[in-house]
Full PDB file with SEQRES, HELIX, SHEET, SSBOND, CRYST1, ORIGX, SCALE, CONECT and MASTER records, all heavy atoms in Angstrom:
SEQRES   1 A   39  VAL ARG ARG ASN ILE THR LEU PHE LEU VAL ASN GLY GLN          
SEQRES   2 A   39  GLU ILE HIS VAL ASP LEU PHE THR SER PRO LEU THR PRO          
SEQRES   3 A   39  GLY GLU GLY GLY THR GLY LEU ILE ILE GLU ILE GLN ALA          
HELIX    1 AA1 PRO A   26  GLU A   28  5                                   3    
SHEET    1 AA1 3 ARG A   2  PHE A   8  0                                        
SHEET    2 AA1 3 GLU A  14  LEU A  24 -1                                        
SHEET    3 AA1 3 GLY A  32  GLN A  38 -1                                        
CRYST1    1.000    1.000    1.000  90.00  90.00  90.00 P 1           1          
ORIGX1      1.000000  0.000000  0.000000        0.00000                         
ORIGX2      0.000000  1.000000  0.000000        0.00000                         
ORIGX3      0.000000  0.000000  1.000000        0.00000                         
SCALE1      1.000000  0.000000  0.000000        0.00000                         
SCALE2      0.000000  1.000000  0.000000        0.00000                         
SCALE3      0.000000  0.000000  1.000000        0.00000                         
ATOM      1  N   VAL A   1      -3.416  -8.611  -1.956  1.00  0.00           N  
ATOM      2  CA  VAL A   1      -4.568  -7.782  -1.570  1.00  0.00           C  
ATOM      3  C   VAL A   1      -4.843  -8.035  -0.095  1.00  0.00           C  
ATOM      4  O   VAL A   1      -4.998  -9.185   0.320  1.00  0.00           O  
ATOM      5  CB  VAL A   1      -5.821  -8.133  -2.396  1.00  0.00           C  
ATOM      6  CG1 VAL A   1      -7.000  -7.294  -1.930  1.00  0.00           C  
ATOM      7  CG2 VAL A   1      -5.574  -7.935  -3.882  1.00  0.00           C  
ATOM      8  N   ARG A   2      -4.891  -6.960   0.678  1.00  0.00           N  
ATOM      9  CA  ARG A   2      -5.266  -7.076   2.096  1.00  0.00           C  
ATOM     10  C   ARG A   2      -6.350  -6.045   2.374  1.00  0.00           C  
ATOM     11  O   ARG A   2      -6.161  -4.850   2.147  1.00  0.00           O  
ATOM     12  CB  ARG A   2      -4.058  -6.835   3.005  1.00  0.00           C  
ATOM     13  CG  ARG A   2      -2.932  -7.835   2.774  1.00  0.00           C  
ATOM     14  CD  ARG A   2      -1.921  -7.809   3.887  1.00  0.00           C  
ATOM     15  NE  ARG A   2      -2.484  -8.333   5.123  1.00  0.00           N  
ATOM     16  CZ  ARG A   2      -1.816  -8.369   6.276  1.00  0.00           C  
ATOM     17  NH1 ARG A   2      -0.585  -7.886   6.353  1.00  0.00           N  
ATOM     18  NH2 ARG A   2      -2.382  -8.867   7.362  1.00  0.00           N  
ATOM     19  N   ARG A   3      -7.481  -6.515   2.846  1.00  0.00           N  
ATOM     20  CA  ARG A   3      -8.641  -5.638   2.989  1.00  0.00           C  
ATOM     21  C   ARG A   3      -8.907  -5.277   4.452  1.00  0.00           C  
ATOM     22  O   ARG A   3      -8.706  -6.082   5.356  1.00  0.00           O  
ATOM     23  CB  ARG A   3      -9.883  -6.289   2.379  1.00  0.00           C  
ATOM     24  CG  ARG A   3      -9.762  -6.483   0.867  1.00  0.00           C  
ATOM     25  CD  ARG A   3     -11.092  -6.795   0.228  1.00  0.00           C  
ATOM     26  NE  ARG A   3     -10.964  -6.958  -1.220  1.00  0.00           N  
ATOM     27  CZ  ARG A   3     -10.971  -5.951  -2.089  1.00  0.00           C  
ATOM     28  NH1 ARG A   3     -11.100  -4.709  -1.660  1.00  0.00           N  
ATOM     29  NH2 ARG A   3     -10.850  -6.188  -3.389  1.00  0.00           N  
ATOM     30  N   ASN A   4      -9.365  -4.032   4.593  1.00  0.00           N  
ATOM     31  CA  ASN A   4      -9.801  -3.501   5.900  1.00  0.00           C  
ATOM     32  C   ASN A   4      -8.755  -3.721   6.994  1.00  0.00           C  
ATOM     33  O   ASN A   4      -9.052  -4.211   8.080  1.00  0.00           O  
ATOM     34  CB  ASN A   4     -11.134  -4.132   6.308  1.00  0.00           C  
ATOM     35  CG  ASN A   4     -11.851  -3.304   7.365  1.00  0.00           C  
ATOM     36  OD1 ASN A   4     -11.593  -2.107   7.518  1.00  0.00           O  
ATOM     37  ND2 ASN A   4     -12.739  -3.932   8.110  1.00  0.00           N  
ATOM     38  N   ILE A   5      -7.516  -3.323   6.707  1.00  0.00           N  
ATOM     39  CA  ILE A   5      -6.477  -3.411   7.725  1.00  0.00           C  
ATOM     40  C   ILE A   5      -6.356  -2.066   8.431  1.00  0.00           C  
ATOM     41  O   ILE A   5      -6.775  -1.019   7.915  1.00  0.00           O  
ATOM     42  CB  ILE A   5      -5.115  -3.831   7.141  1.00  0.00           C  
ATOM     43  CG1 ILE A   5      -4.512  -2.704   6.287  1.00  0.00           C  
ATOM     44  CG2 ILE A   5      -5.234  -5.110   6.334  1.00  0.00           C  
ATOM     45  CD1 ILE A   5      -3.081  -2.967   5.889  1.00  0.00           C  
ATOM     46  N   THR A   6      -5.804  -2.094   9.608  1.00  0.00           N  
ATOM     47  CA  THR A   6      -5.686  -0.885  10.433  1.00  0.00           C  
ATOM     48  C   THR A   6      -4.268  -0.331  10.341  1.00  0.00           C  
ATOM     49  O   THR A   6      -3.291  -1.075  10.508  1.00  0.00           O  
ATOM     50  CB  THR A   6      -6.016  -1.196  11.898  1.00  0.00           C  
ATOM     51  OG1 THR A   6      -7.335  -1.748  11.969  1.00  0.00           O  
ATOM     52  CG2 THR A   6      -5.952   0.063  12.752  1.00  0.00           C  
ATOM     53  N   LEU A   7      -4.173   0.961  10.061  1.00  0.00           N  
ATOM     54  CA  LEU A   7      -2.883   1.648  10.044  1.00  0.00           C  
ATOM     55  C   LEU A   7      -2.886   2.718  11.133  1.00  0.00           C  
ATOM     56  O   LEU A   7      -3.875   3.431  11.313  1.00  0.00           O  
ATOM     57  CB  LEU A   7      -2.630   2.308   8.686  1.00  0.00           C  
ATOM     58  CG  LEU A   7      -2.563   1.391   7.459  1.00  0.00           C  
ATOM     59  CD1 LEU A   7      -2.270   2.216   6.209  1.00  0.00           C  
ATOM     60  CD2 LEU A   7      -1.526   0.299   7.634  1.00  0.00           C  
ATOM     61  N   PHE A   8      -1.765   2.826  11.843  1.00  0.00           N  
ATOM     62  CA  PHE A   8      -1.605   3.842  12.880  1.00  0.00           C  
ATOM     63  C   PHE A   8      -0.620   4.886  12.373  1.00  0.00           C  
ATOM     64  O   PHE A   8       0.559   4.585  12.158  1.00  0.00           O  
ATOM     65  CB  PHE A   8      -1.110   3.209  14.186  1.00  0.00           C  
ATOM     66  CG  PHE A   8      -2.060   2.199  14.761  1.00  0.00           C  
ATOM     67  CD1 PHE A   8      -1.925   0.843  14.464  1.00  0.00           C  
ATOM     68  CD2 PHE A   8      -3.115   2.601  15.569  1.00  0.00           C  
ATOM     69  CE1 PHE A   8      -2.811  -0.090  14.983  1.00  0.00           C  
ATOM     70  CE2 PHE A   8      -4.007   1.682  16.090  1.00  0.00           C  
ATOM     71  CZ  PHE A   8      -3.858   0.331  15.797  1.00  0.00           C  
ATOM     72  N   LEU A   9      -1.116   6.088  12.148  1.00  0.00           N  
ATOM     73  CA  LEU A   9      -0.288   7.148  11.590  1.00  0.00           C  
ATOM     74  C   LEU A   9       0.659   7.716  12.637  1.00  0.00           C  
ATOM     75  O   LEU A   9       0.478   7.515  13.841  1.00  0.00           O  
ATOM     76  CB  LEU A   9      -1.174   8.256  11.024  1.00  0.00           C  
ATOM     77  CG  LEU A   9      -2.275   7.804  10.045  1.00  0.00           C  
ATOM     78  CD1 LEU A   9      -2.982   9.011   9.453  1.00  0.00           C  
ATOM     79  CD2 LEU A   9      -1.706   6.909   8.944  1.00  0.00           C  
ATOM     80  N   VAL A  10       1.645   8.446  12.166  1.00  0.00           N  
ATOM     81  CA  VAL A  10       2.634   9.034  13.068  1.00  0.00           C  
ATOM     82  C   VAL A  10       1.984  10.005  14.048  1.00  0.00           C  
ATOM     83  O   VAL A  10       2.409  10.139  15.193  1.00  0.00           O  
ATOM     84  CB  VAL A  10       3.740   9.742  12.251  1.00  0.00           C  
ATOM     85  CG1 VAL A  10       4.716  10.463  13.179  1.00  0.00           C  
ATOM     86  CG2 VAL A  10       4.489   8.735  11.387  1.00  0.00           C  
ATOM     87  N   ASN A  11       0.898  10.680  13.610  1.00  0.00           N  
ATOM     88  CA  ASN A  11       0.227  11.638  14.488  1.00  0.00           C  
ATOM     89  C   ASN A  11      -0.732  10.983  15.485  1.00  0.00           C  
ATOM     90  O   ASN A  11      -1.454  11.652  16.217  1.00  0.00           O  
ATOM     91  CB  ASN A  11      -0.533  12.683  13.659  1.00  0.00           C  
ATOM     92  CG  ASN A  11      -1.677  12.070  12.846  1.00  0.00           C  
ATOM     93  OD1 ASN A  11      -1.937  10.872  12.921  1.00  0.00           O  
ATOM     94  ND2 ASN A  11      -2.347  12.895  12.071  1.00  0.00           N  
ATOM     95  N   GLY A  12      -0.772   9.624  15.485  1.00  0.00           N  
ATOM     96  CA  GLY A  12      -1.617   8.913  16.423  1.00  0.00           C  
ATOM     97  C   GLY A  12      -2.975   8.531  15.886  1.00  0.00           C  
ATOM     98  O   GLY A  12      -3.709   7.760  16.516  1.00  0.00           O  
ATOM     99  N   GLN A  13      -3.343   9.050  14.711  1.00  0.00           N  
ATOM    100  CA  GLN A  13      -4.650   8.746  14.142  1.00  0.00           C  
ATOM    101  C   GLN A  13      -4.688   7.306  13.625  1.00  0.00           C  
ATOM    102  O   GLN A  13      -3.692   6.760  13.148  1.00  0.00           O  
ATOM    103  CB  GLN A  13      -4.959   9.712  12.993  1.00  0.00           C  
ATOM    104  CG  GLN A  13      -6.346   9.530  12.389  1.00  0.00           C  
ATOM    105  CD  GLN A  13      -6.601  10.521  11.272  1.00  0.00           C  
ATOM    106  OE1 GLN A  13      -5.919  11.538  11.146  1.00  0.00           O  
ATOM    107  NE2 GLN A  13      -7.591  10.241  10.436  1.00  0.00           N  
ATOM    108  N   GLU A  14      -5.853   6.704  13.704  1.00  0.00           N  
ATOM    109  CA  GLU A  14      -6.068   5.339  13.225  1.00  0.00           C  
ATOM    110  C   GLU A  14      -6.971   5.374  12.007  1.00  0.00           C  
ATOM    111  O   GLU A  14      -8.019   6.025  12.024  1.00  0.00           O  
ATOM    112  CB  GLU A  14      -6.705   4.504  14.340  1.00  0.00           C  
ATOM    113  CG  GLU A  14      -7.093   3.097  13.947  1.00  0.00           C  
ATOM    114  CD  GLU A  14      -7.799   2.372  15.083  1.00  0.00           C  
ATOM    115  OE1 GLU A  14      -7.440   2.577  16.260  1.00  0.00           O  
ATOM    116  OE2 GLU A  14      -8.734   1.596  14.794  1.00  0.00           O  
ATOM    117  N   ILE A  15      -6.546   4.708  10.925  1.00  0.00           N  
ATOM    118  CA  ILE A  15      -7.378   4.654   9.724  1.00  0.00           C  
ATOM    119  C   ILE A  15      -7.507   3.202   9.273  1.00  0.00           C  
ATOM    120  O   ILE A  15      -6.692   2.341   9.631  1.00  0.00           O  
ATOM    121  CB  ILE A  15      -6.805   5.514   8.573  1.00  0.00           C  
ATOM    122  CG1 ILE A  15      -5.419   4.999   8.155  1.00  0.00           C  
ATOM    123  CG2 ILE A  15      -6.753   6.976   8.956  1.00  0.00           C  
ATOM    124  CD1 ILE A  15      -4.888   5.690   6.904  1.00  0.00           C  
ATOM    125  N   HIS A  16      -8.544   2.938   8.472  1.00  0.00           N  
ATOM    126  CA  HIS A  16      -8.787   1.593   7.956  1.00  0.00           C  
ATOM    127  C   HIS A  16      -8.735   1.647   6.433  1.00  0.00           C  
ATOM    128  O   HIS A  16      -9.407   2.486   5.818  1.00  0.00           O  
ATOM    129  CB  HIS A  16     -10.140   1.070   8.434  1.00  0.00           C  
ATOM    130  CG  HIS A  16     -10.271   1.066   9.925  1.00  0.00           C  
ATOM    131  ND1 HIS A  16      -9.767   0.067  10.715  1.00  0.00           N  
ATOM    132  CD2 HIS A  16     -10.814   1.982  10.781  1.00  0.00           C  
ATOM    133  CE1 HIS A  16     -10.006   0.329  11.978  1.00  0.00           C  
ATOM    134  NE2 HIS A  16     -10.637   1.485  12.052  1.00  0.00           N  
ATOM    135  N   VAL A  17      -7.935   0.766   5.853  1.00  0.00           N  
ATOM    136  CA  VAL A  17      -7.693   0.831   4.417  1.00  0.00           C  
ATOM    137  C   VAL A  17      -7.667  -0.558   3.794  1.00  0.00           C  
ATOM    138  O   VAL A  17      -7.533  -1.577   4.486  1.00  0.00           O  
ATOM    139  CB  VAL A  17      -6.343   1.531   4.112  1.00  0.00           C  
ATOM    140  CG1 VAL A  17      -6.300   2.930   4.704  1.00  0.00           C  
ATOM    141  CG2 VAL A  17      -5.170   0.691   4.622  1.00  0.00           C  
ATOM    142  N   ASP A  18      -7.802  -0.569   2.466  1.00  0.00           N  
ATOM    143  CA  ASP A  18      -7.495  -1.748   1.660  1.00  0.00           C  
ATOM    144  C   ASP A  18      -6.136  -1.500   1.017  1.00  0.00           C  
ATOM    145  O   ASP A  18      -5.890  -0.409   0.480  1.00  0.00           O  
ATOM    146  CB  ASP A  18      -8.544  -1.964   0.569  1.00  0.00           C  
ATOM    147  CG  ASP A  18      -9.903  -2.376   1.127  1.00  0.00           C  
ATOM    148  OD1 ASP A  18      -9.942  -2.894   2.261  1.00  0.00           O  
ATOM    149  OD2 ASP A  18     -10.920  -2.169   0.428  1.00  0.00           O  
ATOM    150  N   LEU A  19      -5.247  -2.497   1.077  1.00  0.00           N  
ATOM    151  CA  LEU A  19      -3.907  -2.377   0.503  1.00  0.00           C  
ATOM    152  C   LEU A  19      -3.753  -3.337  -0.662  1.00  0.00           C  
ATOM    153  O   LEU A  19      -4.086  -4.528  -0.550  1.00  0.00           O  
ATOM    154  CB  LEU A  19      -2.833  -2.695   1.548  1.00  0.00           C  
ATOM    155  CG  LEU A  19      -2.407  -1.594   2.524  1.00  0.00           C  
ATOM    156  CD1 LEU A  19      -1.272  -2.095   3.406  1.00  0.00           C  
ATOM    157  CD2 LEU A  19      -1.982  -0.336   1.799  1.00  0.00           C  
ATOM    158  N   PHE A  20      -3.237  -2.837  -1.774  1.00  0.00           N  
ATOM    159  CA  PHE A  20      -2.947  -3.658  -2.950  1.00  0.00           C  
ATOM    160  C   PHE A  20      -1.480  -3.438  -3.313  1.00  0.00           C  
ATOM    161  O   PHE A  20      -1.036  -2.285  -3.426  1.00  0.00           O  
ATOM    162  CB  PHE A  20      -3.832  -3.251  -4.133  1.00  0.00           C  
ATOM    163  CG  PHE A  20      -5.303  -3.212  -3.821  1.00  0.00           C  
ATOM    164  CD1 PHE A  20      -5.884  -2.082  -3.246  1.00  0.00           C  
ATOM    165  CD2 PHE A  20      -6.111  -4.297  -4.091  1.00  0.00           C  
ATOM    166  CE1 PHE A  20      -7.238  -2.044  -2.957  1.00  0.00           C  
ATOM    167  CE2 PHE A  20      -7.472  -4.273  -3.809  1.00  0.00           C  
ATOM    168  CZ  PHE A  20      -8.038  -3.151  -3.242  1.00  0.00           C  
ATOM    169  N   THR A  21      -0.721  -4.492  -3.470  1.00  0.00           N  
ATOM    170  CA  THR A  21       0.689  -4.363  -3.849  1.00  0.00           C  
ATOM    171  C   THR A  21       0.944  -5.130  -5.130  1.00  0.00           C  
ATOM    172  O   THR A  21       0.383  -6.213  -5.348  1.00  0.00           O  
ATOM    173  CB  THR A  21       1.621  -4.888  -2.744  1.00  0.00           C  
ATOM    174  OG1 THR A  21       1.450  -6.306  -2.623  1.00  0.00           O  
ATOM    175  CG2 THR A  21       1.316  -4.232  -1.411  1.00  0.00           C  
ATOM    176  N   SER A  22       1.798  -4.569  -5.979  1.00  0.00           N  
ATOM    177  CA  SER A  22       2.174  -5.216  -7.233  1.00  0.00           C  
ATOM    178  C   SER A  22       3.659  -4.995  -7.474  1.00  0.00           C  
ATOM    179  O   SER A  22       4.162  -3.876  -7.260  1.00  0.00           O  
ATOM    180  CB  SER A  22       1.385  -4.647  -8.413  1.00  0.00           C  
ATOM    181  OG  SER A  22      -0.006  -4.795  -8.206  1.00  0.00           O  
ATOM    182  N   PRO A  23       4.390  -6.027  -7.919  1.00  0.00           N  
ATOM    183  CA  PRO A  23       5.812  -5.846  -8.209  1.00  0.00           C  
ATOM    184  C   PRO A  23       6.019  -5.068  -9.500  1.00  0.00           C  
ATOM    185  O   PRO A  23       5.231  -5.181 -10.444  1.00  0.00           O  
ATOM    186  CB  PRO A  23       6.322  -7.287  -8.346  1.00  0.00           C  
ATOM    187  CG  PRO A  23       5.116  -8.078  -8.770  1.00  0.00           C  
ATOM    188  CD  PRO A  23       3.933  -7.415  -8.125  1.00  0.00           C  
ATOM    189  N   LEU A  24       7.042  -4.240  -9.515  1.00  0.00           N  
ATOM    190  CA  LEU A  24       7.432  -3.526 -10.729  1.00  0.00           C  
ATOM    191  C   LEU A  24       8.475  -4.354 -11.463  1.00  0.00           C  
ATOM    192  O   LEU A  24       9.405  -4.880 -10.847  1.00  0.00           O  
ATOM    193  CB  LEU A  24       8.013  -2.153 -10.391  1.00  0.00           C  
ATOM    194  CG  LEU A  24       7.033  -1.067  -9.942  1.00  0.00           C  
ATOM    195  CD1 LEU A  24       7.797   0.164  -9.494  1.00  0.00           C  
ATOM    196  CD2 LEU A  24       6.080  -0.708 -11.066  1.00  0.00           C  
ATOM    197  N   THR A  25       8.334  -4.438 -12.767  1.00  0.00           N  
ATOM    198  CA  THR A  25       9.310  -5.174 -13.575  1.00  0.00           C  
ATOM    199  C   THR A  25      10.313  -4.186 -14.151  1.00  0.00           C  
ATOM    200  O   THR A  25      10.044  -2.984 -14.239  1.00  0.00           O  
ATOM    201  CB  THR A  25       8.602  -5.925 -14.714  1.00  0.00           C  
ATOM    202  OG1 THR A  25       8.014  -4.966 -15.595  1.00  0.00           O  
ATOM    203  CG2 THR A  25       7.525  -6.844 -14.162  1.00  0.00           C  
ATOM    204  N   PRO A  26      11.485  -4.666 -14.573  1.00  0.00           N  
ATOM    205  CA  PRO A  26      12.488  -3.753 -15.135  1.00  0.00           C  
ATOM    206  C   PRO A  26      11.959  -2.911 -16.280  1.00  0.00           C  
ATOM    207  O   PRO A  26      12.339  -1.761 -16.457  1.00  0.00           O  
ATOM    208  CB  PRO A  26      13.585  -4.717 -15.606  1.00  0.00           C  
ATOM    209  CG  PRO A  26      13.457  -5.903 -14.700  1.00  0.00           C  
ATOM    210  CD  PRO A  26      11.986  -6.046 -14.455  1.00  0.00           C  
ATOM    211  N   GLY A  27      11.030  -3.460 -17.052  1.00  0.00           N  
ATOM    212  CA  GLY A  27      10.479  -2.697 -18.169  1.00  0.00           C  
ATOM    213  C   GLY A  27       9.585  -1.560 -17.734  1.00  0.00           C  
ATOM    214  O   GLY A  27       9.224  -0.711 -18.525  1.00  0.00           O  
ATOM    215  N   GLU A  28       9.217  -1.497 -16.445  1.00  0.00           N  
ATOM    216  CA  GLU A  28       8.345  -0.439 -15.938  1.00  0.00           C  
ATOM    217  C   GLU A  28       9.140   0.620 -15.189  1.00  0.00           C  
ATOM    218  O   GLU A  28       8.604   1.385 -14.412  1.00  0.00           O  
ATOM    219  CB  GLU A  28       7.276  -1.050 -15.011  1.00  0.00           C  
ATOM    220  CG  GLU A  28       6.301  -1.967 -15.744  1.00  0.00           C  
ATOM    221  CD  GLU A  28       5.360  -2.689 -14.785  1.00  0.00           C  
ATOM    222  OE1 GLU A  28       5.830  -3.052 -13.682  1.00  0.00           O  
ATOM    223  OE2 GLU A  28       4.197  -2.894 -15.142  1.00  0.00           O  
ATOM    224  N   GLY A  29      10.441   0.640 -15.378  1.00  0.00           N  
ATOM    225  CA  GLY A  29      11.244   1.698 -14.764  1.00  0.00           C  
ATOM    226  C   GLY A  29      12.090   1.200 -13.612  1.00  0.00           C  
ATOM    227  O   GLY A  29      12.499   1.994 -12.780  1.00  0.00           O  
ATOM    228  N   GLY A  30      12.372  -0.087 -13.563  1.00  0.00           N  
ATOM    229  CA  GLY A  30      13.220  -0.598 -12.478  1.00  0.00           C  
ATOM    230  C   GLY A  30      12.439  -1.494 -11.555  1.00  0.00           C  
ATOM    231  O   GLY A  30      11.233  -1.374 -11.432  1.00  0.00           O  
ATOM    232  N   THR A  31      13.131  -2.438 -10.919  1.00  0.00           N  
ATOM    233  CA  THR A  31      12.451  -3.339 -10.005  1.00  0.00           C  
ATOM    234  C   THR A  31      12.019  -2.589  -8.758  1.00  0.00           C  
ATOM    235  O   THR A  31      12.632  -1.599  -8.372  1.00  0.00           O  
ATOM    236  CB  THR A  31      13.369  -4.511  -9.620  1.00  0.00           C  
ATOM    237  OG1 THR A  31      14.567  -3.974  -9.043  1.00  0.00           O  
ATOM    238  CG2 THR A  31      13.711  -5.367 -10.824  1.00  0.00           C  
ATOM    239  N   GLY A  32      11.004  -3.087  -8.125  1.00  0.00           N  
ATOM    240  CA  GLY A  32      10.499  -2.445  -6.923  1.00  0.00           C  
ATOM    241  C   GLY A  32       9.074  -2.860  -6.675  1.00  0.00           C  
ATOM    242  O   GLY A  32       8.647  -3.955  -7.057  1.00  0.00           O  
ATOM    243  N   LEU A  33       8.311  -1.974  -6.074  1.00  0.00           N  
ATOM    244  CA  LEU A  33       6.958  -2.318  -5.649  1.00  0.00           C  
ATOM    245  C   LEU A  33       6.066  -1.088  -5.770  1.00  0.00           C  
ATOM    246  O   LEU A  33       6.493   0.039  -5.488  1.00  0.00           O  
ATOM    247  CB  LEU A  33       7.000  -2.789  -4.189  1.00  0.00           C  
ATOM    248  CG  LEU A  33       5.786  -3.533  -3.632  1.00  0.00           C  
ATOM    249  CD1 LEU A  33       5.638  -4.891  -4.317  1.00  0.00           C  
ATOM    250  CD2 LEU A  33       5.969  -3.734  -2.128  1.00  0.00           C  
ATOM    251  N   ILE A  34       4.841  -1.304  -6.206  1.00  0.00           N  
ATOM    252  CA  ILE A  34       3.854  -0.231  -6.220  1.00  0.00           C  
ATOM    253  C   ILE A  34       2.735  -0.607  -5.247  1.00  0.00           C  
ATOM    254  O   ILE A  34       2.252  -1.743  -5.260  1.00  0.00           O  
ATOM    255  CB  ILE A  34       3.297   0.032  -7.639  1.00  0.00           C  
ATOM    256  CG1 ILE A  34       2.324   1.224  -7.607  1.00  0.00           C  
ATOM    257  CG2 ILE A  34       2.629  -1.197  -8.228  1.00  0.00           C  
ATOM    258  CD1 ILE A  34       1.980   1.749  -8.987  1.00  0.00           C  
ATOM    259  N   ILE A  35       2.385   0.313  -4.367  1.00  0.00           N  
ATOM    260  CA  ILE A  35       1.390   0.073  -3.332  1.00  0.00           C  
ATOM    261  C   ILE A  35       0.208   1.006  -3.569  1.00  0.00           C  
ATOM    262  O   ILE A  35       0.375   2.230  -3.703  1.00  0.00           O  
ATOM    263  CB  ILE A  35       1.972   0.315  -1.932  1.00  0.00           C  
ATOM    264  CG1 ILE A  35       3.199  -0.563  -1.700  1.00  0.00           C  
ATOM    265  CG2 ILE A  35       0.922   0.059  -0.849  1.00  0.00           C  
ATOM    266  CD1 ILE A  35       3.935  -0.264  -0.400  1.00  0.00           C  
ATOM    267  N   GLU A  36      -0.978   0.434  -3.619  1.00  0.00           N  
ATOM    268  CA  GLU A  36      -2.212   1.213  -3.767  1.00  0.00           C  
ATOM    269  C   GLU A  36      -2.965   1.173  -2.441  1.00  0.00           C  
ATOM    270  O   GLU A  36      -3.166   0.099  -1.866  1.00  0.00           O  
ATOM    271  CB  GLU A  36      -3.067   0.616  -4.883  1.00  0.00           C  
ATOM    272  CG  GLU A  36      -4.379   1.360  -5.105  1.00  0.00           C  
ATOM    273  CD  GLU A  36      -5.223   0.696  -6.180  1.00  0.00           C  
ATOM    274  OE1 GLU A  36      -4.695  -0.186  -6.900  1.00  0.00           O  
ATOM    275  OE2 GLU A  36      -6.413   1.037  -6.285  1.00  0.00           O  
ATOM    276  N   ILE A  37      -3.339   2.350  -1.945  1.00  0.00           N  
ATOM    277  CA  ILE A  37      -4.023   2.451  -0.650  1.00  0.00           C  
ATOM    278  C   ILE A  37      -5.391   3.083  -0.866  1.00  0.00           C  
ATOM    279  O   ILE A  37      -5.502   4.199  -1.377  1.00  0.00           O  
ATOM    280  CB  ILE A  37      -3.224   3.312   0.349  1.00  0.00           C  
ATOM    281  CG1 ILE A  37      -1.763   2.862   0.410  1.00  0.00           C  
ATOM    282  CG2 ILE A  37      -3.845   3.262   1.745  1.00  0.00           C  
ATOM    283  CD1 ILE A  37      -0.884   3.770   1.254  1.00  0.00           C  
ATOM    284  N   GLN A  38      -6.419   2.373  -0.467  1.00  0.00           N  
ATOM    285  CA  GLN A  38      -7.784   2.881  -0.607  1.00  0.00           C  
ATOM    286  C   GLN A  38      -8.438   2.941   0.763  1.00  0.00           C  
ATOM    287  O   GLN A  38      -8.515   1.931   1.463  1.00  0.00           O  
ATOM    288  CB  GLN A  38      -8.588   1.982  -1.537  1.00  0.00           C  
ATOM    289  CG  GLN A  38      -9.902   2.590  -1.994  1.00  0.00           C  
ATOM    290  CD  GLN A  38     -10.524   1.773  -3.114  1.00  0.00           C  
ATOM    291  OE1 GLN A  38     -11.080   0.710  -2.863  1.00  0.00           O  
ATOM    292  NE2 GLN A  38     -10.437   2.258  -4.339  1.00  0.00           N  
ATOM    293  N   ALA A  39      -8.870   4.127   1.154  1.00  0.00           N  
ATOM    294  CA  ALA A  39      -9.432   4.319   2.489  1.00  0.00           C  
ATOM    295  C   ALA A  39     -10.828   3.737   2.576  1.00  0.00           C  
ATOM    296  O   ALA A  39     -11.744   4.163   1.867  1.00  0.00           O  
ATOM    297  CB  ALA A  39      -9.460   5.797   2.849  1.00  0.00           C  
TER     298      ALA A  39                                                      
MASTER        0    0    0    1    3    0    0    6  297    1    0    3          
END                                                                             
């Protein structure tokens, strides 16, 4: 969990978000990562 971080978009805009990341297990459709972004 990372809160109130700054992201710079490709169009130059700056936004502030909370980021939540969780690993995906093989039983959930393959290994990988799910990222939740809340503005």
